[in-house]
Protein backbone atom coordinates (compact mmCIF):
# COMPACT_ATOMS: atom_id res chain seq x y z
CA UNK A 1 151.41 116.54 48.87
CA UNK A 2 153.23 118.36 46.10
CA UNK A 3 156.44 120.21 46.88
CA UNK A 4 156.05 122.15 43.65
CA UNK A 5 153.16 122.43 41.22
CA UNK A 6 152.05 124.59 38.35
CA UNK A 7 149.38 124.77 35.67
CA UNK A 8 151.38 124.69 32.44
CA UNK A 9 151.00 127.60 30.04
CA UNK A 10 152.37 128.74 26.68
CA UNK A 11 155.49 130.19 28.25
CA UNK A 12 156.45 126.74 29.60
CA UNK A 13 157.24 125.06 26.29
CA UNK A 14 161.05 125.00 26.69
CA UNK A 15 161.31 125.31 30.45
CA UNK A 16 158.95 125.18 33.40
CA UNK A 17 159.14 128.30 35.55
CA UNK A 18 157.40 128.23 38.92
CA UNK A 19 157.20 131.50 40.84
CA UNK A 20 157.19 131.62 44.66
CA UNK A 21 157.41 132.91 47.27
CA UNK A 22 158.90 129.76 48.75
CA UNK A 23 159.11 129.46 52.52
CA UNK A 24 161.82 126.79 52.06
CA UNK A 25 163.84 125.31 49.20
CA UNK A 26 161.75 122.32 48.04
CA UNK A 27 164.75 120.52 46.48
CA UNK A 28 167.93 121.46 48.40
CA UNK A 29 170.10 118.81 46.74
CA UNK A 30 168.96 119.94 43.29
CA UNK A 31 169.61 123.57 44.17
CA UNK A 32 173.18 122.63 45.13
CA UNK A 33 173.88 120.31 42.17
CA UNK A 34 171.84 122.04 39.46
CA UNK A 35 169.90 118.85 38.61
CA UNK A 36 166.57 117.39 39.73
CA UNK A 37 165.99 113.69 39.11
CA UNK A 38 162.41 112.41 39.06
CA UNK A 39 160.37 109.47 37.79
CA UNK A 40 157.07 109.83 35.96
CA UNK A 41 153.87 107.77 36.20
CA UNK A 42 155.38 105.12 33.87
CA UNK A 43 158.42 104.86 36.15
CA UNK A 44 160.61 106.50 33.48
CA UNK A 45 163.50 108.53 34.90
CA UNK A 46 163.97 112.19 33.99
CA UNK A 47 166.85 114.52 34.82
CA UNK A 48 165.98 118.21 34.66
CA UNK A 49 168.37 121.11 34.95
CA UNK A 50 167.27 122.99 38.07
CA UNK A 51 167.92 126.66 38.65
CA UNK A 52 167.00 128.93 41.52
CA UNK A 53 166.56 132.55 40.49
CA UNK A 54 165.16 134.70 43.29
CA UNK A 55 161.57 133.55 43.86
CA UNK A 56 161.59 131.35 40.74
CA UNK A 57 162.40 127.67 40.32
CA UNK A 58 163.23 126.75 36.72
CA UNK A 59 163.24 123.24 35.20
CA UNK A 60 164.88 122.89 31.80
CA UNK A 61 167.09 120.36 30.00
CA UNK A 62 164.85 117.33 29.45
CA UNK A 63 161.70 119.38 30.23
CA UNK A 64 160.71 119.83 26.56
CA UNK A 65 161.25 116.11 25.86
CA UNK A 66 159.25 115.20 29.00
CA UNK A 67 156.46 117.54 27.92
CA UNK A 68 156.19 115.99 24.44
CA UNK A 69 156.62 112.40 25.68
CA UNK A 70 153.90 112.79 28.33
CA UNK A 71 151.66 114.89 26.06
CA UNK A 72 151.56 117.75 28.56
CA UNK A 73 149.21 120.44 27.21
CA UNK A 74 148.61 124.02 28.23
CA UNK A 75 146.14 123.87 31.13
CA UNK A 76 147.52 120.59 32.54
CA UNK A 77 148.97 120.73 36.01
CA UNK A 78 152.43 119.35 36.75
CA UNK A 79 153.19 118.38 40.36
CA UNK A 80 156.40 117.08 41.93
CA UNK A 81 156.29 115.29 45.26
CA UNK A 82 158.43 113.03 47.41
CA UNK A 83 158.71 109.46 46.16
CA UNK A 84 157.59 107.93 49.43
CA UNK A 85 154.19 106.52 48.50
CA UNK A 86 152.58 104.43 45.75
CA UNK A 87 155.69 102.29 45.17
CA UNK A 88 156.81 104.34 42.17
CA UNK A 89 160.27 102.77 42.02
CA UNK A 90 163.48 103.63 43.81
CA UNK A 91 165.35 105.42 40.95
CA UNK A 92 164.59 108.92 42.17
CA UNK A 93 163.64 110.75 45.34
CA UNK A 94 160.81 112.56 43.56
CA UNK A 95 157.81 111.76 41.37
CA UNK A 96 156.41 114.05 38.67
CA UNK A 97 152.70 113.79 37.90
CA UNK A 98 150.64 115.28 35.11
CA UNK A 99 147.07 116.14 36.10
CA UNK A 100 145.04 116.67 32.95
CA UNK A 101 143.18 119.92 32.61
CA UNK A 102 144.61 121.29 35.86
CA UNK A 103 141.95 119.52 37.95
CA UNK A 104 142.73 118.18 41.39
């Protein structure tokens, strides 16, 4: 189950902004440190800058490189979940997935 997900749009080219409301902070360590470390489907590590701004969670830093590298298009869904299933490597606590066309 995703802790955070969003269908990517034009406004997400340089940073991914996900609006709440959030009943809890999905990434408390990232909120404290300012960085969220994840692995993608190829087990490549990514370190995003993470900012909490009211009801928004903002990923930046390597986001634009991740988007180009993983060919994330407008209309694709990006989901971040705990790295506790599928054996996706131990480098990060979280996994980022790209779901093409925003389908489930």
